[in-house]
């Protein structure tokens, strides 16, 4: 899996690089609703896929999703939320 993060270089990005970490804002907080596109890769295993849920959702929502939804349901929900113009 690949992850790209475009950002300016400042004290926070230097600290993150030094500590081998990355900050990612939740897509719910983006100022552009079309900025987030998740491309599903069939080769991503279940654990890796659901680890992404921890990044995109609050702790409580992530736990609920992991217990109650399949990958397909999660992707459909994300599509419907972020790209309502594509929903039937």
N, C-alpha and C. Protein backbone atom coordinates (compact mmCIF):
# COMPACT_ATOMS: atom_id res chain seq x y z
N UNK A 1 0.84 -1.17 0.00
CA UNK A 1 0.00 0.00 0.00
C UNK A 1 0.89 1.23 0.00
N UNK A 2 0.46 2.25 -0.71
CA UNK A 2 1.20 3.50 -0.76
C UNK A 2 0.36 4.60 -0.14
N UNK A 3 1.04 5.51 0.54
CA UNK A 3 0.38 6.65 1.13
C UNK A 3 1.19 7.88 0.77
N UNK A 4 0.50 8.89 0.24
CA UNK A 4 1.16 10.14 -0.12
C UNK A 4 0.62 11.25 0.76
N UNK A 5 1.51 12.06 1.25
CA UNK A 5 1.12 13.19 2.10
C UNK A 5 1.85 14.42 1.59
N UNK A 6 1.09 15.37 1.07
CA UNK A 6 1.67 16.62 0.58
C UNK A 6 1.54 17.67 1.68
N UNK A 7 2.67 18.26 2.03
CA UNK A 7 2.67 19.24 3.11
C UNK A 7 3.89 20.14 2.97
N UNK A 8 3.85 21.24 3.69
CA UNK A 8 5.01 22.12 3.72
C UNK A 8 6.00 21.59 4.75
N UNK A 9 7.23 21.98 4.59
CA UNK A 9 8.26 21.60 5.56
C UNK A 9 8.29 22.67 6.65
N UNK A 10 8.07 22.23 7.87
CA UNK A 10 8.13 23.13 9.02
C UNK A 10 8.58 22.31 10.23
N UNK A 11 8.51 22.90 11.42
CA UNK A 11 9.00 22.18 12.60
C UNK A 11 8.20 20.91 12.87
N UNK A 12 6.90 20.93 12.56
CA UNK A 12 6.06 19.74 12.81
C UNK A 12 6.38 18.60 11.84
N UNK A 13 6.58 18.95 10.58
CA UNK A 13 6.91 17.89 9.62
C UNK A 13 8.30 17.32 9.89
N UNK A 14 9.22 18.16 10.29
CA UNK A 14 10.55 17.67 10.64
C UNK A 14 10.47 16.71 11.83
N UNK A 15 9.69 17.09 12.84
CA UNK A 15 9.51 16.23 14.01
C UNK A 15 8.88 14.89 13.61
N UNK A 16 7.86 14.94 12.76
CA UNK A 16 7.21 13.71 12.30
C UNK A 16 8.17 12.82 11.54
N UNK A 17 8.98 13.40 10.66
CA UNK A 17 9.96 12.62 9.92
C UNK A 17 11.00 12.00 10.86
N UNK A 18 11.45 12.79 11.81
CA UNK A 18 12.44 12.30 12.77
C UNK A 18 11.89 11.13 13.58
N UNK A 19 10.60 11.19 13.94
CA UNK A 19 9.97 10.15 14.75
C UNK A 19 9.29 9.07 13.93
N UNK A 20 9.49 9.12 12.61
CA UNK A 20 8.92 8.11 11.71
C UNK A 20 7.40 8.01 11.88
N UNK A 21 6.75 9.17 11.87
CA UNK A 21 5.30 9.22 12.02
C UNK A 21 4.72 10.20 11.01
N UNK A 22 3.42 10.17 10.86
CA UNK A 22 2.75 11.06 9.92
C UNK A 22 1.43 11.50 10.53
N UNK A 23 1.08 12.75 10.28
CA UNK A 23 -0.21 13.27 10.73
C UNK A 23 -1.15 13.30 9.53
N UNK A 24 -2.30 12.74 9.70
CA UNK A 24 -3.32 12.76 8.64
C UNK A 24 -4.62 13.25 9.24
N UNK A 25 -5.12 14.31 8.70
CA UNK A 25 -6.41 14.83 9.15
C UNK A 25 -7.52 13.93 8.64
N UNK A 26 -8.57 13.81 9.41
CA UNK A 26 -9.73 13.02 8.98
C UNK A 26 -10.35 13.65 7.74
N UNK A 27 -10.78 12.84 6.77
CA UNK A 27 -11.46 13.40 5.59
C UNK A 27 -12.70 14.20 5.96
N UNK A 28 -13.31 13.91 7.10
CA UNK A 28 -14.47 14.69 7.54
C UNK A 28 -14.11 16.14 7.84
N UNK A 29 -12.83 16.41 8.05
CA UNK A 29 -12.38 17.75 8.38
C UNK A 29 -11.73 18.47 7.21
N UNK A 30 -11.66 17.84 6.05
CA UNK A 30 -11.08 18.49 4.87
C UNK A 30 -11.95 19.68 4.45
N UNK A 31 -11.33 20.71 3.92
CA UNK A 31 -12.10 21.86 3.45
C UNK A 31 -12.61 21.67 2.03
N UNK A 32 -12.15 20.65 1.34
CA UNK A 32 -12.60 20.34 -0.02
C UNK A 32 -13.16 18.92 -0.03
N UNK A 33 -14.47 18.75 -0.20
CA UNK A 33 -15.06 17.40 -0.13
C UNK A 33 -14.58 16.46 -1.22
N UNK A 34 -13.98 16.99 -2.29
CA UNK A 34 -13.51 16.14 -3.38
C UNK A 34 -12.01 15.85 -3.27
N UNK A 35 -11.41 16.28 -2.18
CA UNK A 35 -9.98 16.11 -1.99
C UNK A 35 -9.60 14.67 -1.64
N UNK A 36 -10.50 13.96 -1.05
CA UNK A 36 -10.20 12.60 -0.59
C UNK A 36 -10.73 11.58 -1.58
N UNK A 37 -9.85 10.75 -2.08
CA UNK A 37 -10.25 9.64 -2.94
C UNK A 37 -9.52 8.41 -2.44
N UNK A 38 -10.28 7.42 -2.06
CA UNK A 38 -9.68 6.16 -1.62
C UNK A 38 -9.82 5.16 -2.75
N UNK A 39 -8.70 4.68 -3.23
CA UNK A 39 -8.71 3.67 -4.30
C UNK A 39 -8.55 2.31 -3.65
N UNK A 40 -9.58 1.51 -3.79
CA UNK A 40 -9.56 0.18 -3.19
C UNK A 40 -8.67 -0.75 -3.99
N UNK A 41 -7.83 -1.48 -3.30
CA UNK A 41 -6.92 -2.44 -3.90
C UNK A 41 -7.34 -3.83 -3.43
N UNK A 42 -7.70 -4.70 -4.36
CA UNK A 42 -8.14 -6.05 -4.00
C UNK A 42 -7.07 -6.85 -3.27
N UNK A 43 -5.83 -6.44 -3.40
CA UNK A 43 -4.75 -7.18 -2.75
C UNK A 43 -4.55 -6.79 -1.29
N UNK A 44 -5.25 -5.77 -0.83
CA UNK A 44 -5.14 -5.36 0.57
C UNK A 44 -5.88 -6.36 1.44
N UNK A 45 -5.18 -6.91 2.41
CA UNK A 45 -5.85 -7.89 3.28
C UNK A 45 -6.79 -7.19 4.26
N UNK A 46 -7.63 -7.98 4.91
CA UNK A 46 -8.64 -7.43 5.81
C UNK A 46 -8.03 -6.59 6.92
N UNK A 47 -6.97 -7.09 7.53
CA UNK A 47 -6.36 -6.35 8.65
C UNK A 47 -5.87 -4.99 8.18
N UNK A 48 -5.17 -4.95 7.07
CA UNK A 48 -4.65 -3.68 6.57
C UNK A 48 -5.79 -2.73 6.21
N UNK A 49 -6.83 -3.26 5.59
CA UNK A 49 -7.98 -2.43 5.22
C UNK A 49 -8.62 -1.83 6.46
N UNK A 50 -8.89 -2.66 7.45
CA UNK A 50 -9.56 -2.16 8.64
C UNK A 50 -8.64 -1.32 9.53
N UNK A 51 -7.33 -1.44 9.38
CA UNK A 51 -6.42 -0.52 10.06
C UNK A 51 -6.62 0.90 9.53
N UNK A 52 -6.96 1.01 8.25
CA UNK A 52 -7.23 2.33 7.67
C UNK A 52 -8.45 2.99 8.31
N UNK A 53 -9.38 2.18 8.74
CA UNK A 53 -10.58 2.71 9.38
C UNK A 53 -10.21 3.52 10.62
N UNK A 54 -9.17 3.08 11.33
CA UNK A 54 -8.71 3.82 12.51
C UNK A 54 -8.21 5.22 12.15
N UNK A 55 -7.70 5.36 10.94
CA UNK A 55 -7.19 6.66 10.48
C UNK A 55 -8.34 7.58 10.11
N UNK A 56 -9.37 7.04 9.48
CA UNK A 56 -10.43 7.87 8.92
C UNK A 56 -11.57 8.18 9.88
N UNK A 57 -11.72 7.40 10.93
CA UNK A 57 -12.88 7.56 11.81
C UNK A 57 -12.45 7.71 13.26
N UNK A 58 -13.35 8.24 14.07
CA UNK A 58 -13.09 8.34 15.51
C UNK A 58 -12.95 6.93 16.08
N UNK A 59 -12.40 6.83 17.27
CA UNK A 59 -12.18 5.51 17.88
C UNK A 59 -13.49 4.74 18.03
N UNK A 60 -14.52 5.42 18.51
CA UNK A 60 -15.82 4.77 18.72
C UNK A 60 -16.44 4.31 17.40
N UNK A 61 -16.42 5.20 16.40
CA UNK A 61 -16.98 4.84 15.09
C UNK A 61 -16.19 3.71 14.44
N UNK A 62 -14.87 3.75 14.58
CA UNK A 62 -14.03 2.71 13.99
C UNK A 62 -14.35 1.34 14.59
N UNK A 63 -14.50 1.28 15.90
CA UNK A 63 -14.84 0.01 16.55
C UNK A 63 -16.19 -0.52 16.07
N UNK A 64 -17.16 0.37 15.97
CA UNK A 64 -18.49 -0.03 15.50
C UNK A 64 -18.41 -0.56 14.05
N UNK A 65 -17.70 0.14 13.21
CA UNK A 65 -17.57 -0.25 11.80
C UNK A 65 -16.90 -1.62 11.69
N UNK A 66 -15.80 -1.80 12.41
CA UNK A 66 -15.06 -3.07 12.33
C UNK A 66 -15.91 -4.26 12.77
N UNK A 67 -16.78 -4.04 13.74
CA UNK A 67 -17.61 -5.13 14.25
C UNK A 67 -18.83 -5.41 13.38
N UNK A 68 -19.30 -4.41 12.63
CA UNK A 68 -20.60 -4.53 11.98
C UNK A 68 -20.62 -4.41 10.47
N UNK A 69 -19.48 -4.12 9.85
CA UNK A 69 -19.51 -3.88 8.40
C UNK A 69 -18.45 -4.68 7.66
N UNK A 70 -18.76 -4.98 6.41
CA UNK A 70 -17.80 -5.62 5.53
C UNK A 70 -17.02 -4.54 4.78
N UNK A 71 -15.96 -4.94 4.10
CA UNK A 71 -15.19 -3.99 3.30
C UNK A 71 -16.08 -3.29 2.27
N UNK A 72 -16.90 -4.08 1.60
CA UNK A 72 -17.77 -3.51 0.56
C UNK A 72 -18.73 -2.48 1.15
N UNK A 73 -19.29 -2.78 2.31
CA UNK A 73 -20.21 -1.83 2.96
C UNK A 73 -19.48 -0.54 3.36
N UNK A 74 -18.27 -0.67 3.86
CA UNK A 74 -17.50 0.51 4.25
C UNK A 74 -17.23 1.38 3.03
N UNK A 75 -16.79 0.76 1.94
CA UNK A 75 -16.49 1.52 0.73
C UNK A 75 -17.73 2.18 0.15
N UNK A 76 -18.85 1.48 0.19
CA UNK A 76 -20.10 2.05 -0.31
C UNK A 76 -20.50 3.25 0.55
N UNK A 77 -20.40 3.11 1.86
CA UNK A 77 -20.72 4.23 2.76
C UNK A 77 -19.81 5.43 2.51
N UNK A 78 -18.51 5.16 2.32
CA UNK A 78 -17.56 6.25 2.06
C UNK A 78 -17.90 6.95 0.74
N UNK A 79 -18.19 6.15 -0.28
CA UNK A 79 -18.56 6.72 -1.57
C UNK A 79 -19.82 7.57 -1.45
N UNK A 80 -20.83 7.05 -0.77
CA UNK A 80 -22.10 7.75 -0.63
C UNK A 80 -21.94 9.05 0.15
N UNK A 81 -21.06 9.04 1.14
CA UNK A 81 -20.86 10.23 1.96
C UNK A 81 -20.04 11.30 1.23
N UNK A 82 -18.93 10.87 0.63
CA UNK A 82 -18.01 11.84 0.02
C UNK A 82 -18.36 12.18 -1.42
N UNK A 83 -19.08 11.30 -2.10
CA UNK A 83 -19.39 11.53 -3.51
C UNK A 83 -20.87 11.26 -3.78
N UNK A 84 -21.77 12.02 -3.15
CA UNK A 84 -23.21 11.73 -3.30
C UNK A 84 -23.71 11.82 -4.74
N UNK A 85 -23.00 12.56 -5.58
CA UNK A 85 -23.44 12.68 -6.97
C UNK A 85 -23.32 11.37 -7.73
N UNK A 86 -22.56 10.40 -7.21
CA UNK A 86 -22.41 9.11 -7.88
C UNK A 86 -23.38 8.05 -7.38
N UNK A 87 -24.17 8.39 -6.38
CA UNK A 87 -25.10 7.43 -5.80
C UNK A 87 -26.37 7.37 -6.62
N UNK A 88 -26.94 6.19 -6.67
CA UNK A 88 -28.20 6.01 -7.41
C UNK A 88 -29.39 6.28 -6.53
